Amino acid sequence: MGFCQFLLVAGSATTTLLIGNVVHRLLVHPDQLELVLADRTLVEAAIEESLRIDAPVHGLFRTNDEPVCLRGVDIEPDSKVLALFGSANLDPDAWDDPDRFDVTRDLTNLRKHAAFGVGIHYCLGAPLARMEAQLALAAVLDRLPGLRLAGQAVGVKAGVLKGFESLPVAWDVEG
């Protein structure tokens, strides 16, 4: 039962947060939204850039099974540690102007973000989440002309999650 709950959260809630995050990011950066609207091949880059800056899960707790010294700090075995891979996605040694949302970044480099984890802890659902987000974003852009924020967004309250509990938007009705 626990694994089924994990699959529901990992495979559903996080993708929902991803979709909300990229829509919000584009709406607060209208110059980037215009680029994506003008060139739909940038949808994939918008998703990856949103994952880099607004990873739906920006960290996970782990338990180390052996003693570790990290930057001069001794960490005893069986300690709970919080790996904040969302922080790695904003590392200025890895990313030019890391706080800037830019859908024109090189896609090959952009895919190297750590939003889905790294190594043996890499998310098995990453390809599915990417595909779902690309399809959802394309549908939003195609079907909701004049999309804009229509109120104050409310963030999720879960510690390691980043996204929105509500994201009020409005769009133009074609008549």
C-alpha atoms as a PDB file:
ATOM      1  CA  MET A   1       0.000   0.000   0.000  1.00  0.00           C
ATOM      2  CA  GLY A   2       2.861   2.340   0.821  1.00  0.00           C
ATOM      3  CA  PHE A   3       4.414   1.808  -2.597  1.00  0.00           C
ATOM      4  CA  CYS A   4       1.092   2.538  -4.315  1.00  0.00           C
ATOM      5  CA  GLN A   5       0.850   5.797  -2.390  1.00  0.00           C
ATOM      6  CA  PHE A   6       4.436   6.623  -3.405  1.00  0.00           C
ATOM      7  CA  LEU A   7       3.595   6.014  -7.074  1.00  0.00           C
ATOM      8  CA  LEU A   8       0.524   8.234  -6.830  1.00  0.00           C
ATOM      9  CA  VAL A   9       2.479  11.126  -5.308  1.00  0.00           C
ATOM     10  CA  ALA A  10       5.633  10.645  -7.344  1.00  0.00           C
ATOM     11  CA  GLY A  11       3.844  10.106 -10.620  1.00  0.00           C
ATOM     12  CA  SER A  12       0.995  12.554 -10.315  1.00  0.00           C
ATOM     13  CA  ALA A  13       1.429  15.360  -7.793  1.00  0.00           C
ATOM     14  CA  THR A  14       4.944  16.217  -8.930  1.00  0.00           C
ATOM     15  CA  THR A  15       3.942  16.450 -12.595  1.00  0.00           C
ATOM     16  CA  THR A  16       0.982  18.628 -11.623  1.00  0.00           C
ATOM     17  CA  LEU A  17       3.380  20.914  -9.745  1.00  0.00           C
ATOM     18  CA  LEU A  18       5.726  20.955 -12.752  1.00  0.00           C
ATOM     19  CA  ILE A  19       2.922  22.081 -15.084  1.00  0.00           C
ATOM     20  CA  GLY A  20       1.826  24.811 -12.691  1.00  0.00           C
ATOM     21  CA  ASN A  21       5.428  25.934 -12.184  1.00  0.00           C
ATOM     22  CA  VAL A  22       6.181  26.324 -15.893  1.00  0.00           C
ATOM     23  CA  VAL A  23       2.904  28.136 -16.581  1.00  0.00           C
ATOM     24  CA  HIS A  24       3.559  30.510 -13.672  1.00  0.00           C
ATOM     25  CA  ARG A  25       7.168  31.083 -14.715  1.00  0.00           C
ATOM     26  CA  LEU A  26       6.097  31.946 -18.269  1.00  0.00           C
ATOM     27  CA  LEU A  27       3.355  34.285 -17.050  1.00  0.00           C
ATOM     28  CA  VAL A  28       5.732  36.233 -14.815  1.00  0.00           C
ATOM     29  CA  HIS A  29       8.275  36.392 -17.664  1.00  0.00           C
ATOM     30  CA  PRO A  30       6.139  37.580 -20.601  1.00  0.00           C
ATOM     31  CA  ASP A  31       9.209  38.013 -22.815  1.00  0.00           C
ATOM     32  CA  GLN A  32       9.884  34.273 -22.472  1.00  0.00           C
ATOM     33  CA  LEU A  33       6.213  33.447 -23.032  1.00  0.00           C
ATOM     34  CA  GLU A  34       6.301  35.435 -26.280  1.00  0.00           C
ATOM     35  CA  LEU A  35       9.350  33.462 -27.426  1.00  0.00           C
ATOM     36  CA  VAL A  36       7.561  30.153 -26.758  1.00  0.00           C
ATOM     37  CA  LEU A  37       4.353  31.341 -28.421  1.00  0.00           C
ATOM     38  CA  ALA A  38       6.336  32.398 -31.496  1.00  0.00           C
ATOM     39  CA  ASP A  39       8.400  29.199 -31.633  1.00  0.00           C
ATOM     40  CA  ARG A  40       6.726  26.086 -30.244  1.00  0.00           C
ATOM     41  CA  THR A  41       9.987  24.156 -30.474  1.00  0.00           C
ATOM     42  CA  LEU A  42      10.897  26.076 -27.289  1.00  0.00           C
ATOM     43  CA  VAL A  43       8.207  24.259 -25.276  1.00  0.00           C
ATOM     44  CA  GLU A  44      10.712  21.553 -24.357  1.00  0.00           C
ATOM     45  CA  ALA A  45      13.300  24.129 -23.259  1.00  0.00           C
ATOM     46  CA  ALA A  46      10.662  25.967 -21.204  1.00  0.00           C
ATOM     47  CA  ILE A  47       9.893  22.710 -19.371  1.00  0.00           C
ATOM     48  CA  GLU A  48      13.573  21.961 -18.744  1.00  0.00           C
ATOM     49  CA  GLU A  49      14.321  25.528 -17.635  1.00  0.00           C
ATOM     50  CA  SER A  50      11.357  25.413 -15.272  1.00  0.00           C
ATOM     51  CA  LEU A  51      12.600  22.096 -13.905  1.00  0.00           C
ATOM     52  CA  ARG A  52      16.015  23.661 -13.356  1.00  0.00           C
ATOM     53  CA  ILE A  53      14.732  26.740 -11.538  1.00  0.00           C
ATOM     54  CA  ASP A  54      11.523  25.404  -9.980  1.00  0.00           C
ATOM     55  CA  ALA A  55      12.078  21.697  -9.458  1.00  0.00           C
ATOM     56  CA  PRO A  56       8.802  20.310  -8.025  1.00  0.00           C
ATOM     57  CA  VAL A  57      10.901  18.332  -5.547  1.00  0.00           C
ATOM     58  CA  HIS A  58      13.984  20.301  -4.585  1.00  0.00           C
ATOM     59  CA  GLY A  59      15.399  17.881  -2.063  1.00  0.00           C
ATOM     60  CA  LEU A  60      14.997  14.506  -0.432  1.00  0.00           C
ATOM     61  CA  PHE A  61      16.028  13.075   2.906  1.00  0.00           C
ATOM     62  CA  ARG A  62      18.556  10.277   2.884  1.00  0.00           C
ATOM     63  CA  THR A  63      20.267   8.208   5.569  1.00  0.00           C
ATOM     64  CA  ASN A  64      23.991   7.681   5.168  1.00  0.00           C
ATOM     65  CA  ASP A  65      25.213   4.175   5.938  1.00  0.00           C
ATOM     66  CA  GLU A  66      28.832   5.059   6.645  1.00  0.00           C
ATOM     67  CA  PRO A  67      30.694   7.981   8.204  1.00  0.00           C
ATOM     68  CA  VAL A  68      31.220  10.917   5.855  1.00  0.00           C
ATOM     69  CA  CYS A  69      33.232  14.118   6.111  1.00  0.00           C
ATOM     70  CA  LEU A  70      31.686  16.811   3.942  1.00  0.00           C
ATOM     71  CA  ARG A  71      33.508  20.152   3.741  1.00  0.00           C
ATOM     72  CA  GLY A  72      35.065  19.601   7.139  1.00  0.00           C
ATOM     73  CA  VAL A  73      31.859  18.428   8.832  1.00  0.00           C
ATOM     74  CA  ASP A  74      31.784  14.876  10.159  1.00  0.00           C
ATOM     75  CA  ILE A  75      28.475  13.118   9.571  1.00  0.00           C
ATOM     76  CA  GLU A  76      27.957  10.009  11.656  1.00  0.00           C
ATOM     77  CA  PRO A  77      26.460   6.825  10.143  1.00  0.00           C
ATOM     78  CA  ASP A  78      22.656   6.593  10.190  1.00  0.00           C
ATOM     79  CA  SER A  79      22.298  10.387  10.178  1.00  0.00           C
ATOM     80  CA  LYS A  80      19.379  11.929   8.334  1.00  0.00           C
ATOM     81  CA  VAL A  81      20.633  14.319   5.681  1.00  0.00           C
ATOM     82  CA  LEU A  82      18.703  16.527   3.299  1.00  0.00           C
ATOM     83  CA  ALA A  83      20.124  16.488  -0.212  1.00  0.00           C
ATOM     84  CA  LEU A  84      19.028  19.755  -1.837  1.00  0.00           C
ATOM     85  CA  PHE A  85      19.547  19.059  -5.514  1.00  0.00           C
ATOM     86  CA  GLY A  86      17.376  22.079  -6.269  1.00  0.00           C
ATOM     87  CA  SER A  87      20.305  24.118  -4.987  1.00  0.00           C
ATOM     88  CA  ALA A  88      22.635  22.477  -7.510  1.00  0.00           C
ATOM     89  CA  ASN A  89      20.334  23.734 -10.261  1.00  0.00           C
ATOM     90  CA  LEU A  90      21.176  27.309  -9.229  1.00  0.00           C
ATOM     91  CA  ASP A  91      24.931  26.816  -8.832  1.00  0.00           C
ATOM     92  CA  PRO A  92      26.762  29.672 -10.595  1.00  0.00           C
ATOM     93  CA  ASP A  93      29.691  27.323 -11.265  1.00  0.00           C
ATOM     94  CA  ALA A  94      27.361  25.136 -13.338  1.00  0.00           C
ATOM     95  CA  TRP A  95      24.969  27.682 -14.871  1.00  0.00           C
ATOM     96  CA  ASP A  96      25.494  31.096 -16.451  1.00  0.00           C
ATOM     97  CA  ASP A  97      23.271  33.648 -14.731  1.00  0.00           C
ATOM     98  CA  PRO A  98      21.529  30.818 -12.811  1.00  0.00           C
ATOM     99  CA  ASP A  99      18.649  32.892 -11.445  1.00  0.00           C
ATOM    100  CA  ARG A 100      17.550  34.029 -14.912  1.00  0.00           C
ATOM    101  CA  PHE A 101      14.701  32.093 -16.568  1.00  0.00           C
ATOM    102  CA  ASP A 102      15.808  31.672 -20.185  1.00  0.00           C
ATOM    103  CA  VAL A 103      14.050  29.341 -22.633  1.00  0.00           C
ATOM    104  CA  THR A 104      16.837  29.871 -25.179  1.00  0.00           C
ATOM    105  CA  ARG A 105      19.494  28.055 -23.141  1.00  0.00           C
ATOM    106  CA  ASP A 106      21.201  25.197 -24.945  1.00  0.00           C
ATOM    107  CA  LEU A 107      18.836  22.235 -24.532  1.00  0.00           C
ATOM    108  CA  THR A 108      21.638  19.657 -24.300  1.00  0.00           C
ATOM    109  CA  ASN A 109      23.173  21.524 -21.355  1.00  0.00           C
ATOM    110  CA  LEU A 110      19.799  22.327 -19.872  1.00  0.00           C
ATOM    111  CA  ARG A 111      18.884  18.643 -19.586  1.00  0.00           C
ATOM    112  CA  LYS A 112      21.818  18.247 -17.166  1.00  0.00           C
ATOM    113  CA  HIS A 113      19.827  19.800 -14.300  1.00  0.00           C
ATOM    114  CA  ALA A 114      19.320  17.713 -11.180  1.00  0.00           C
ATOM    115  CA  ALA A 115      15.539  18.105 -10.828  1.00  0.00           C
ATOM    116  CA  PHE A 116      15.011  14.372 -11.346  1.00  0.00           C
ATOM    117  CA  GLY A 117      17.932  13.384  -9.150  1.00  0.00           C
ATOM    118  CA  VAL A 118      21.281  12.007 -10.250  1.00  0.00           C
ATOM    119  CA  GLY A 119      22.885   8.584 -10.612  1.00  0.00           C
ATOM    120  CA  ILE A 120      21.203   5.575  -9.034  1.00  0.00           C
ATOM    121  CA  HIS A 121      18.529   7.848  -7.549  1.00  0.00           C
ATOM    122  CA  TYR A 122      17.478   9.234 -10.930  1.00  0.00           C
ATOM    123  CA  CYS A 123      13.689   9.330 -11.270  1.00  0.00           C
ATOM    124  CA  LEU A 124      12.371   6.438 -13.343  1.00  0.00           C
ATOM    125  CA  GLY A 125       9.340   8.525 -14.306  1.00  0.00           C
ATOM    126  CA  ALA A 126      11.359  11.433 -15.738  1.00  0.00           C
ATOM    127  CA  PRO A 127      10.588  10.658 -19.408  1.00  0.00           C
ATOM    128  CA  LEU A 128       6.872  10.351 -18.662  1.00  0.00           C
ATOM    129  CA  ALA A 129       6.814  13.577 -16.607  1.00  0.00           C
ATOM    130  CA  ARG A 130       8.588  15.439 -19.421  1.00  0.00           C
ATOM    131  CA  MET A 131       6.146  14.146 -22.018  1.00  0.00           C
ATOM    132  CA  GLU A 132       3.094  14.949 -19.878  1.00  0.00           C
ATOM    133  CA  ALA A 133       4.376  18.464 -19.175  1.00  0.00           C
ATOM    134  CA  GLN A 134       5.163  19.134 -22.849  1.00  0.00           C
ATOM    135  CA  LEU A 135       1.713  17.981 -23.942  1.00  0.00           C
ATOM    136  CA  ALA A 136       0.001  19.968 -21.182  1.00  0.00           C
ATOM    137  CA  LEU A 137       1.948  23.161 -21.864  1.00  0.00           C
ATOM    138  CA  ALA A 138       1.298  22.922 -25.610  1.00  0.00           C
ATOM    139  CA  ALA A 139      -2.435  22.462 -24.912  1.00  0.00           C
ATOM    140  CA  VAL A 140      -2.504  25.443 -22.541  1.00  0.00           C
ATOM    141  CA  LEU A 141      -0.763  27.649 -25.092  1.00  0.00           C
ATOM    142  CA  ASP A 142      -3.024  26.453 -27.926  1.00  0.00           C
ATOM    143  CA  ARG A 143      -6.347  26.586 -26.101  1.00  0.00           C
ATOM    144  CA  LEU A 144      -6.064  29.512 -23.693  1.00  0.00           C
ATOM    145  CA  PRO A 145      -5.327  32.676 -25.687  1.00  0.00           C
ATOM    146  CA  GLY A 146      -4.288  35.700 -23.686  1.00  0.00           C
ATOM    147  CA  LEU A 147      -3.465  33.577 -20.646  1.00  0.00           C
ATOM    148  CA  ARG A 148      -2.594  35.751 -17.660  1.00  0.00           C
ATOM    149  CA  LEU A 149      -2.435  35.685 -13.878  1.00  0.00           C
ATOM    150  CA  ALA A 150      -5.747  36.564 -12.251  1.00  0.00           C
ATOM    151  CA  GLY A 151      -4.959  36.657  -8.569  1.00  0.00           C
ATOM    152  CA  GLN A 152      -2.436  35.704  -5.962  1.00  0.00           C
ATOM    153  CA  ALA A 153      -0.868  32.267  -6.342  1.00  0.00           C
ATOM    154  CA  VAL A 154      -0.750  30.129  -3.197  1.00  0.00           C
ATOM    155  CA  GLY A 155       2.288  27.881  -2.773  1.00  0.00           C
ATOM    156  CA  VAL A 156       2.191  24.327  -1.494  1.00  0.00           C
ATOM    157  CA  LYS A 157       3.076  23.933   2.149  1.00  0.00           C
ATOM    158  CA  ALA A 158       4.985  20.649   1.945  1.00  0.00           C
ATOM    159  CA  GLY A 159       8.620  21.094   2.955  1.00  0.00           C
ATOM    160  CA  VAL A 160      10.546  19.768  -0.036  1.00  0.00           C
ATOM    161  CA  LEU A 161       7.925  20.485  -2.688  1.00  0.00           C
ATOM    162  CA  LYS A 162       7.818  23.613  -4.807  1.00  0.00           C
ATOM    163  CA  GLY A 163       4.683  24.559  -6.659  1.00  0.00           C
ATOM    164  CA  PHE A 164       1.218  25.944  -6.232  1.00  0.00           C
ATOM    165  CA  GLU A 165      -1.829  24.863  -4.327  1.00  0.00           C
ATOM    166  CA  SER A 166      -3.743  27.362  -6.443  1.00  0.00           C
ATOM    167  CA  LEU A 167      -2.727  29.435  -9.462  1.00  0.00           C
ATOM    168  CA  PRO A 168      -5.583  31.724 -10.534  1.00  0.00           C
ATOM    169  CA  VAL A 169      -5.456  32.516 -14.246  1.00  0.00           C
ATOM    170  CA  ALA A 170      -7.737  34.048 -16.860  1.00  0.00           C
ATOM    171  CA  TRP A 171      -7.754  33.961 -20.644  1.00  0.00           C
ATOM    172  CA  ASP A 172      -9.582  35.523 -23.537  1.00  0.00           C
ATOM    173  CA  VAL A 173     -12.714  33.874 -24.850  1.00  0.00           C
ATOM    174  CA  GLU A 174     -12.693  33.594 -28.608  1.00  0.00           C
ATOM    175  CA  GLY A 175     -16.040  34.566 -29.953  1.00  0.00           C
END
